Amino acid sequence: MARMVHCVKLKQEAEGLEAPPYPGELGIRIWQNISKQAWAQWVETQTRLVNENRLNLADVRARKYLAQQMESFLFDDANVEAQGYVPPSA
């Protein structure tokens, strides 16, 4: 049986993550409060941020920036998007 959480991002009960997806206390907070669906949304957003902003993940500043954006996206309901990103037309 899947573990259910009240997802603070989606504001509904949903299937939870199998394990903390991030190290430390933030990872535990995500595991306890974020659903698989919301995490998948973050992974897509993170990919756009890395690609559009040409982030070098070996750079500690880039990783810190992504962590801040992740927390805003998941917990503050912030609209996190890469500047200049234009979604592909259907």
PDB file of N, CA and C in Angstrom:
ATOM      1  N   MET A   1       0.842  -1.184   0.000  1.00  0.00           N
ATOM      2  CA  MET A   1       0.000   0.000   0.000  1.00  0.00           C
ATOM      3  C   MET A   1       0.886   1.247   0.000  1.00  0.00           C
ATOM      4  N   ALA A   2       0.556   2.185  -0.836  1.00  0.00           N
ATOM      5  CA  ALA A   2       1.353   3.408  -0.973  1.00  0.00           C
ATOM      6  C   ALA A   2       1.196   4.297   0.261  1.00  0.00           C
ATOM      7  N   ARG A   3       2.267   4.977   0.602  1.00  0.00           N
ATOM      8  CA  ARG A   3       2.243   5.924   1.716  1.00  0.00           C
ATOM      9  C   ARG A   3       1.578   7.206   1.231  1.00  0.00           C
ATOM     10  N   MET A   4       0.583   7.680   1.983  1.00  0.00           N
ATOM     11  CA  MET A   4      -0.147   8.885   1.606  1.00  0.00           C
ATOM     12  C   MET A   4       0.319  10.051   2.477  1.00  0.00           C
ATOM     13  N   VAL A   5       0.350  11.235   1.879  1.00  0.00           N
ATOM     14  CA  VAL A   5       0.693  12.460   2.607  1.00  0.00           C
ATOM     15  C   VAL A   5      -0.318  13.536   2.241  1.00  0.00           C
ATOM     16  N   HIS A   6      -0.457  14.517   3.126  1.00  0.00           N
ATOM     17  CA  HIS A   6      -1.213  15.708   2.736  1.00  0.00           C
ATOM     18  C   HIS A   6      -0.191  16.639   2.088  1.00  0.00           C
ATOM     19  N   CYS A   7      -0.241  16.725   0.770  1.00  0.00           N
ATOM     20  CA  CYS A   7       0.743  17.495   0.013  1.00  0.00           C
ATOM     21  C   CYS A   7       0.466  18.988   0.169  1.00  0.00           C
ATOM     22  N   VAL A   8       1.444  19.713   0.709  1.00  0.00           N
ATOM     23  CA  VAL A   8       1.258  21.148   0.900  1.00  0.00           C
ATOM     24  C   VAL A   8       1.320  21.912  -0.423  1.00  0.00           C
ATOM     25  N   LYS A   9       1.940  21.351  -1.427  1.00  0.00           N
ATOM     26  CA  LYS A   9       1.996  21.992  -2.749  1.00  0.00           C
ATOM     27  C   LYS A   9       0.660  21.854  -3.468  1.00  0.00           C
ATOM     28  N   LEU A  10       0.115  20.627  -3.502  1.00  0.00           N
ATOM     29  CA  LEU A  10      -1.136  20.372  -4.220  1.00  0.00           C
ATOM     30  C   LEU A  10      -2.368  20.614  -3.354  1.00  0.00           C
ATOM     31  N   LYS A  11      -2.150  20.737  -2.035  1.00  0.00           N
ATOM     32  CA  LYS A  11      -3.236  20.966  -1.081  1.00  0.00           C
ATOM     33  C   LYS A  11      -4.277  19.845  -1.120  1.00  0.00           C
ATOM     34  N   GLN A  12      -3.770  18.601  -1.171  1.00  0.00           N
ATOM     35  CA  GLN A  12      -4.655  17.436  -1.165  1.00  0.00           C
ATOM     36  C   GLN A  12      -3.878  16.199  -0.741  1.00  0.00           C
ATOM     37  N   GLU A  13      -4.611  15.154  -0.373  1.00  0.00           N
ATOM     38  CA  GLU A  13      -3.994  13.867  -0.069  1.00  0.00           C
ATOM     39  C   GLU A  13      -3.492  13.252  -1.367  1.00  0.00           C
ATOM     40  N   ALA A  14      -2.282  12.741  -1.334  1.00  0.00           N
ATOM     41  CA  ALA A  14      -1.701  12.136  -2.534  1.00  0.00           C
ATOM     42  C   ALA A  14      -0.619  11.150  -2.114  1.00  0.00           C
ATOM     43  N   GLU A  15      -0.198  10.324  -3.060  1.00  0.00           N
ATOM     44  CA  GLU A  15       0.840   9.338  -2.790  1.00  0.00           C
ATOM     45  C   GLU A  15       2.158  10.036  -2.475  1.00  0.00           C
ATOM     46  N   GLY A  16       2.780   9.607  -1.378  1.00  0.00           N
ATOM     47  CA  GLY A  16       4.029  10.209  -0.942  1.00  0.00           C
ATOM     48  C   GLY A  16       5.247   9.590  -1.604  1.00  0.00           C
ATOM     49  N   LEU A  17       6.358  10.238  -1.428  1.00  0.00           N
ATOM     50  CA  LEU A  17       7.637   9.743  -1.935  1.00  0.00           C
ATOM     51  C   LEU A  17       8.075   8.521  -1.132  1.00  0.00           C
ATOM     52  N   GLU A  18       8.852   7.658  -1.745  1.00  0.00           N
ATOM     53  CA  GLU A  18       9.304   6.441  -1.076  1.00  0.00           C
ATOM     54  C   GLU A  18      10.421   6.710  -0.071  1.00  0.00           C
ATOM     55  N   ALA A  19      11.227   7.727  -0.319  1.00  0.00           N
ATOM     56  CA  ALA A  19      12.349   8.068   0.558  1.00  0.00           C
ATOM     57  C   ALA A  19      12.621   9.564   0.419  1.00  0.00           C
ATOM     58  N   PRO A  20      13.286  10.162   1.405  1.00  0.00           N
ATOM     59  CA  PRO A  20      13.637  11.574   1.269  1.00  0.00           C
ATOM     60  C   PRO A  20      14.467  11.795   0.003  1.00  0.00           C
ATOM     61  N   PRO A  21      14.075  12.756  -0.844  1.00  0.00           N
ATOM     62  CA  PRO A  21      14.757  12.967  -2.118  1.00  0.00           C
ATOM     63  C   PRO A  21      15.939  13.927  -2.043  1.00  0.00           C
ATOM     64  N   TYR A  22      16.194  14.442  -0.850  1.00  0.00           N
ATOM     65  CA  TYR A  22      17.200  15.483  -0.670  1.00  0.00           C
ATOM     66  C   TYR A  22      17.820  15.254   0.704  1.00  0.00           C
ATOM     67  N   PRO A  23      19.088  15.565   0.895  1.00  0.00           N
ATOM     68  CA  PRO A  23      19.719  15.302   2.188  1.00  0.00           C
ATOM     69  C   PRO A  23      19.244  16.254   3.294  1.00  0.00           C
ATOM     70  N   GLY A  24      19.436  15.831   4.516  1.00  0.00           N
ATOM     71  CA  GLY A  24      19.219  16.687   5.670  1.00  0.00           C
ATOM     72  C   GLY A  24      17.766  16.899   6.052  1.00  0.00           C
ATOM     73  N   GLU A  25      17.569  17.927   6.881  1.00  0.00           N
ATOM     74  CA  GLU A  25      16.240  18.244   7.394  1.00  0.00           C
ATOM     75  C   GLU A  25      15.277  18.632   6.279  1.00  0.00           C
ATOM     76  N   LEU A  26      15.767  19.331   5.274  1.00  0.00           N
ATOM     77  CA  LEU A  26      14.899  19.713   4.160  1.00  0.00           C
ATOM     78  C   LEU A  26      14.384  18.473   3.432  1.00  0.00           C
ATOM     79  N   GLY A  27      15.232  17.478   3.264  1.00  0.00           N
ATOM     80  CA  GLY A  27      14.814  16.235   2.627  1.00  0.00           C
ATOM     81  C   GLY A  27      13.713  15.533   3.404  1.00  0.00           C
ATOM     82  N   ILE A  28      13.837  15.525   4.725  1.00  0.00           N
ATOM     83  CA  ILE A  28      12.807  14.903   5.577  1.00  0.00           C
ATOM     84  C   ILE A  28      11.511  15.706   5.477  1.00  0.00           C
ATOM     85  N   ARG A  29      11.624  17.020   5.493  1.00  0.00           N
ATOM     86  CA  ARG A  29      10.431  17.873   5.365  1.00  0.00           C
ATOM     87  C   ARG A  29       9.724  17.615   4.034  1.00  0.00           C
ATOM     88  N   ILE A  30      10.488  17.498   2.959  1.00  0.00           N
ATOM     89  CA  ILE A  30       9.908  17.194   1.646  1.00  0.00           C
ATOM     90  C   ILE A  30       9.228  15.830   1.691  1.00  0.00           C
ATOM     91  N   TRP A  31       9.904  14.830   2.227  1.00  0.00           N
ATOM     92  CA  TRP A  31       9.367  13.471   2.295  1.00  0.00           C
ATOM     93  C   TRP A  31       8.054  13.427   3.072  1.00  0.00           C
ATOM     94  N   GLN A  32       7.955  14.226   4.131  1.00  0.00           N
ATOM     95  CA  GLN A  32       6.762  14.220   4.978  1.00  0.00           C
ATOM     96  C   GLN A  32       5.607  15.023   4.390  1.00  0.00           C
ATOM     97  N   ASN A  33       5.884  16.006   3.530  1.00  0.00           N
ATOM     98  CA  ASN A  33       4.853  16.963   3.132  1.00  0.00           C
ATOM     99  C   ASN A  33       4.618  17.118   1.636  1.00  0.00           C
ATOM    100  N   ILE A  34       5.388  16.433   0.812  1.00  0.00           N
ATOM    101  CA  ILE A  34       5.291  16.622  -0.639  1.00  0.00           C
ATOM    102  C   ILE A  34       4.990  15.285  -1.313  1.00  0.00           C
ATOM    103  N   SER A  35       4.069  15.304  -2.263  1.00  0.00           N
ATOM    104  CA  SER A  35       3.666  14.088  -2.978  1.00  0.00           C
ATOM    105  C   SER A  35       4.610  13.792  -4.143  1.00  0.00           C
ATOM    106  N   LYS A  36       4.491  12.571  -4.663  1.00  0.00           N
ATOM    107  CA  LYS A  36       5.261  12.191  -5.851  1.00  0.00           C
ATOM    108  C   LYS A  36       4.945  13.124  -7.014  1.00  0.00           C
ATOM    109  N   GLN A  37       3.673  13.460  -7.176  1.00  0.00           N
ATOM    110  CA  GLN A  37       3.257  14.321  -8.286  1.00  0.00           C
ATOM    111  C   GLN A  37       3.887  15.707  -8.168  1.00  0.00           C
ATOM    112  N   ALA A  38       3.857  16.299  -6.977  1.00  0.00           N
ATOM    113  CA  ALA A  38       4.450  17.624  -6.783  1.00  0.00           C
ATOM    114  C   ALA A  38       5.967  17.569  -6.965  1.00  0.00           C
ATOM    115  N   TRP A  39       6.592  16.473  -6.507  1.00  0.00           N
ATOM    116  CA  TRP A  39       8.040  16.333  -6.685  1.00  0.00           C
ATOM    117  C   TRP A  39       8.388  16.249  -8.171  1.00  0.00           C
ATOM    118  N   ALA A  40       7.577  15.521  -8.938  1.00  0.00           N
ATOM    119  CA  ALA A  40       7.810  15.414 -10.385  1.00  0.00           C
ATOM    120  C   ALA A  40       7.691  16.790 -11.044  1.00  0.00           C
ATOM    121  N   GLN A  41       6.742  17.609 -10.574  1.00  0.00           N
ATOM    122  CA  GLN A  41       6.615  18.975 -11.101  1.00  0.00           C
ATOM    123  C   GLN A  41       7.886  19.765 -10.806  1.00  0.00           C
ATOM    124  N   TRP A  42       8.426  19.599  -9.587  1.00  0.00           N
ATOM    125  CA  TRP A  42       9.655  20.300  -9.240  1.00  0.00           C
ATOM    126  C   TRP A  42      10.813  19.846 -10.131  1.00  0.00           C
ATOM    127  N   VAL A  43      10.941  18.553 -10.373  1.00  0.00           N
ATOM    128  CA  VAL A  43      12.045  18.040 -11.192  1.00  0.00           C
ATOM    129  C   VAL A  43      11.992  18.657 -12.591  1.00  0.00           C
ATOM    130  N   GLU A  44      10.797  18.789 -13.162  1.00  0.00           N
ATOM    131  CA  GLU A  44      10.662  19.439 -14.475  1.00  0.00           C
ATOM    132  C   GLU A  44      11.085  20.903 -14.402  1.00  0.00           C
ATOM    133  N   THR A  45      10.635  21.603 -13.355  1.00  0.00           N
ATOM    134  CA  THR A  45      10.984  23.014 -13.186  1.00  0.00           C
ATOM    135  C   THR A  45      12.485  23.166 -12.974  1.00  0.00           C
ATOM    136  N   GLN A  46      13.058  22.291 -12.161  1.00  0.00           N
ATOM    137  CA  GLN A  46      14.497  22.335 -11.902  1.00  0.00           C
ATOM    138  C   GLN A  46      15.292  22.149 -13.193  1.00  0.00           C
ATOM    139  N   THR A  47      14.856  21.232 -14.035  1.00  0.00           N
ATOM    140  CA  THR A  47      15.534  20.991 -15.312  1.00  0.00           C
ATOM    141  C   THR A  47      15.515  22.250 -16.173  1.00  0.00           C
ATOM    142  N   ARG A  48      14.366  22.924 -16.223  1.00  0.00           N
ATOM    143  CA  ARG A  48      14.279  24.179 -16.986  1.00  0.00           C
ATOM    144  C   ARG A  48      15.207  25.236 -16.401  1.00  0.00           C
ATOM    145  N   LEU A  49      15.230  25.354 -15.068  1.00  0.00           N
ATOM    146  CA  LEU A  49      16.105  26.342 -14.430  1.00  0.00           C
ATOM    147  C   LEU A  49      17.570  26.078 -14.770  1.00  0.00           C
ATOM    148  N   VAL A  50      17.979  24.825 -14.696  1.00  0.00           N
ATOM    149  CA  VAL A  50      19.374  24.471 -14.996  1.00  0.00           C
ATOM    150  C   VAL A  50      19.689  24.775 -16.453  1.00  0.00           C
ATOM    151  N   ASN A  51      18.814  24.358 -17.352  1.00  0.00           N
ATOM    152  CA  ASN A  51      19.077  24.534 -18.782  1.00  0.00           C
ATOM    153  C   ASN A  51      19.002  25.994 -19.219  1.00  0.00           C
ATOM    154  N   GLU A  52      17.933  26.678 -18.858  1.00  0.00           N
ATOM    155  CA  GLU A  52      17.737  28.057 -19.322  1.00  0.00           C
ATOM    156  C   GLU A  52      18.747  29.021 -18.707  1.00  0.00           C
ATOM    157  N   ASN A  53      19.125  28.774 -17.451  1.00  0.00           N
ATOM    158  CA  ASN A  53      20.090  29.653 -16.782  1.00  0.00           C
ATOM    159  C   ASN A  53      21.524  29.154 -16.925  1.00  0.00           C
ATOM    160  N   ARG A  54      21.683  28.028 -17.628  1.00  0.00           N
ATOM    161  CA  ARG A  54      23.005  27.422 -17.850  1.00  0.00           C
ATOM    162  C   ARG A  54      23.778  27.271 -16.537  1.00  0.00           C
ATOM    163  N   LEU A  55      23.095  26.678 -15.551  1.00  0.00           N
ATOM    164  CA  LEU A  55      23.714  26.509 -14.241  1.00  0.00           C
ATOM    165  C   LEU A  55      24.750  25.393 -14.275  1.00  0.00           C
ATOM    166  N   ASN A  56      25.858  25.624 -13.613  1.00  0.00           N
ATOM    167  CA  ASN A  56      26.906  24.622 -13.447  1.00  0.00           C
ATOM    168  C   ASN A  56      26.717  24.015 -12.061  1.00  0.00           C
ATOM    169  N   LEU A  57      26.242  22.776 -12.001  1.00  0.00           N
ATOM    170  CA  LEU A  57      25.930  22.160 -10.717  1.00  0.00           C
ATOM    171  C   LEU A  57      27.162  21.813  -9.895  1.00  0.00           C
ATOM    172  N   ALA A  58      28.348  21.986 -10.458  1.00  0.00           N
ATOM    173  CA  ALA A  58      29.580  21.842  -9.681  1.00  0.00           C
ATOM    174  C   ALA A  58      29.829  23.098  -8.844  1.00  0.00           C
ATOM    175  N   ASP A  59      29.149  24.180  -9.177  1.00  0.00           N
ATOM    176  CA  ASP A  59      29.286  25.460  -8.481  1.00  0.00           C
ATOM    177  C   ASP A  59      28.344  25.475  -7.280  1.00  0.00           C
ATOM    178  N   VAL A  60      28.896  25.698  -6.096  1.00  0.00           N
ATOM    179  CA  VAL A  60      28.095  25.699  -4.873  1.00  0.00           C
ATOM    180  C   VAL A  60      27.005  26.776  -4.921  1.00  0.00           C
ATOM    181  N   ARG A  61      27.276  27.895  -5.598  1.00  0.00           N
ATOM    182  CA  ARG A  61      26.263  28.960  -5.697  1.00  0.00           C
ATOM    183  C   ARG A  61      25.058  28.501  -6.506  1.00  0.00           C
ATOM    184  N   ALA A  62      25.287  27.729  -7.547  1.00  0.00           N
ATOM    185  CA  ALA A  62      24.190  27.204  -8.363  1.00  0.00           C
ATOM    186  C   ALA A  62      23.349  26.222  -7.551  1.00  0.00           C
ATOM    187  N   ARG A  63      24.009  25.378  -6.780  1.00  0.00           N
ATOM    188  CA  ARG A  63      23.274  24.411  -5.954  1.00  0.00           C
ATOM    189  C   ARG A  63      22.474  25.123  -4.867  1.00  0.00           C
ATOM    190  N   LYS A  64      23.051  26.166  -4.287  1.00  0.00           N
ATOM    191  CA  LYS A  64      22.340  26.931  -3.256  1.00  0.00           C
ATOM    192  C   LYS A  64      21.124  27.629  -3.875  1.00  0.00           C
ATOM    193  N   TYR A  65      21.298  28.203  -5.056  1.00  0.00           N
ATOM    194  CA  TYR A  65      20.199  28.848  -5.779  1.00  0.00           C
ATOM    195  C   TYR A  65      19.070  27.846  -6.033  1.00  0.00           C
ATOM    196  N   LEU A  66      19.418  26.649  -6.516  1.00  0.00           N
ATOM    197  CA  LEU A  66      18.397  25.631  -6.787  1.00  0.00           C
ATOM    198  C   LEU A  66      17.683  25.208  -5.512  1.00  0.00           C
ATOM    199  N   ALA A  67      18.405  25.078  -4.408  1.00  0.00           N
ATOM    200  CA  ALA A  67      17.781  24.701  -3.137  1.00  0.00           C
ATOM    201  C   ALA A  67      16.784  25.765  -2.695  1.00  0.00           C
ATOM    202  N   GLN A  68      17.140  27.038  -2.859  1.00  0.00           N
ATOM    203  CA  GLN A  68      16.222  28.128  -2.506  1.00  0.00           C
ATOM    204  C   GLN A  68      14.989  28.108  -3.399  1.00  0.00           C
ATOM    205  N   GLN A  69      15.196  27.896  -4.689  1.00  0.00           N
ATOM    206  CA  GLN A  69      14.075  27.839  -5.624  1.00  0.00           C
ATOM    207  C   GLN A  69      13.179  26.644  -5.314  1.00  0.00           C
ATOM    208  N   MET A  70      13.779  25.512  -4.963  1.00  0.00           N
ATOM    209  CA  MET A  70      13.020  24.311  -4.629  1.00  0.00           C
ATOM    210  C   MET A  70      12.125  24.561  -3.419  1.00  0.00           C
ATOM    211  N   GLU A  71      12.684  25.155  -2.386  1.00  0.00           N
ATOM    212  CA  GLU A  71      11.907  25.426  -1.180  1.00  0.00           C
ATOM    213  C   GLU A  71      10.765  26.397  -1.478  1.00  0.00           C
ATOM    214  N   SER A  72      11.026  27.428  -2.263  1.00  0.00           N
ATOM    215  CA  SER A  72       9.972  28.378  -2.644  1.00  0.00           C
ATOM    216  C   SER A  72       8.883  27.694  -3.457  1.00  0.00           C
ATOM    217  N   PHE A  73       9.273  26.866  -4.411  1.00  0.00           N
ATOM    218  CA  PHE A  73       8.323  26.173  -5.280  1.00  0.00           C
ATOM    219  C   PHE A  73       7.448  25.214  -4.487  1.00  0.00           C
ATOM    220  N   LEU A  74       8.062  24.420  -3.621  1.00  0.00           N
ATOM    221  CA  LEU A  74       7.322  23.374  -2.916  1.00  0.00           C
ATOM    222  C   LEU A  74       6.519  23.885  -1.729  1.00  0.00           C
ATOM    223  N   PHE A  75       7.047  24.853  -0.986  1.00  0.00           N
ATOM    224  CA  PHE A  75       6.423  25.229   0.275  1.00  0.00           C
ATOM    225  C   PHE A  75       5.807  26.621   0.292  1.00  0.00           C
ATOM    226  N   ASP A  76       6.253  27.522  -0.561  1.00  0.00           N
ATOM    227  CA  ASP A  76       5.737  28.895  -0.542  1.00  0.00           C
ATOM    228  C   ASP A  76       4.779  29.164  -1.687  1.00  0.00           C
ATOM    229  N   ASP A  77       4.502  28.145  -2.486  1.00  0.00           N
ATOM    230  CA  ASP A  77       3.607  28.264  -3.641  1.00  0.00           C
ATOM    231  C   ASP A  77       4.060  29.389  -4.578  1.00  0.00           C
ATOM    232  N   ALA A  78       5.374  29.576  -4.654  1.00  0.00           N
ATOM    233  CA  ALA A  78       5.932  30.621  -5.513  1.00  0.00           C
ATOM    234  C   ALA A  78       5.963  30.155  -6.965  1.00  0.00           C
ATOM    235  N   ASN A  79       5.818  31.094  -7.874  1.00  0.00           N
ATOM    236  CA  ASN A  79       5.926  30.810  -9.302  1.00  0.00           C
ATOM    237  C   ASN A  79       7.406  30.866  -9.668  1.00  0.00           C
ATOM    238  N   VAL A  80       8.034  29.721  -9.679  1.00  0.00           N
ATOM    239  CA  VAL A  80       9.467  29.622  -9.965  1.00  0.00           C
ATOM    240  C   VAL A  80       9.621  29.214 -11.418  1.00  0.00           C
ATOM    241  N   GLU A  81      10.224  30.075 -12.201  1.00  0.00           N
ATOM    242  CA  GLU A  81      10.416  29.764 -13.622  1.00  0.00           C
ATOM    243  C   GLU A  81      11.659  30.486 -14.114  1.00  0.00           C
ATOM    244  N   ALA A  82      12.307  29.914 -15.074  1.00  0.00           N
ATOM    245  CA  ALA A  82      13.499  30.524 -15.661  1.00  0.00           C
ATOM    246  C   ALA A  82      13.094  31.756 -16.456  1.00  0.00           C
ATOM    247  N   GLN A  83      13.847  32.836 -16.295  1.00  0.00           N
ATOM    248  CA  GLN A  83      13.567  34.048 -17.055  1.00  0.00           C
ATOM    249  C   GLN A  83      13.742  33.775 -18.535  1.00  0.00           C
ATOM    250  N   GLY A  84      12.791  34.238 -19.308  1.00  0.00           N
ATOM    251  CA  GLY A  84      12.873  34.082 -20.744  1.00  0.00           C
ATOM    252  C   GLY A  84      12.372  32.747 -21.253  1.00  0.00           C
ATOM    253  N   TYR A  85      11.934  31.849 -20.339  1.00  0.00           N
ATOM    254  CA  TYR A  85      11.455  30.535 -20.781  1.00  0.00           C
ATOM    255  C   TYR A  85      10.121  30.689 -21.497  1.00  0.00           C
ATOM    256  N   VAL A  86      10.030  30.096 -22.664  1.00  0.00           N
ATOM    257  CA  VAL A  86       8.787  30.087 -23.436  1.00  0.00           C
ATOM    258  C   VAL A  86       8.401  28.627 -23.639  1.00  0.00           C
ATOM    259  N   PRO A  87       7.236  28.212 -23.092  1.00  0.00           N
ATOM    260  CA  PRO A  87       6.834  26.816 -23.264  1.00  0.00           C
ATOM    261  C   PRO A  87       6.658  26.475 -24.735  1.00  0.00           C
ATOM    262  N   PRO A  88       6.973  25.236 -25.116  1.00  0.00           N
ATOM    263  CA  PRO A  88       6.792  24.845 -26.518  1.00  0.00           C
ATOM    264  C   PRO A  88       5.322  24.917 -26.906  1.00  0.00           C
ATOM    265  N   SER A  89       5.049  25.330 -28.130  1.00  0.00           N
ATOM    266  CA  SER A  89       3.658  25.408 -28.580  1.00  0.00           C
ATOM    267  C   SER A  89       3.168  24.007 -28.914  1.00  0.00           C
ATOM    268  N   ALA A  90       1.873  23.822 -28.723  1.00  0.00           N
ATOM    269  CA  ALA A  90       1.285  22.480 -28.907  1.00  0.00           C
ATOM    270  C   ALA A  90       1.198  22.074 -30.342  1.00  0.00           C
TER     271      ALA A  90
END
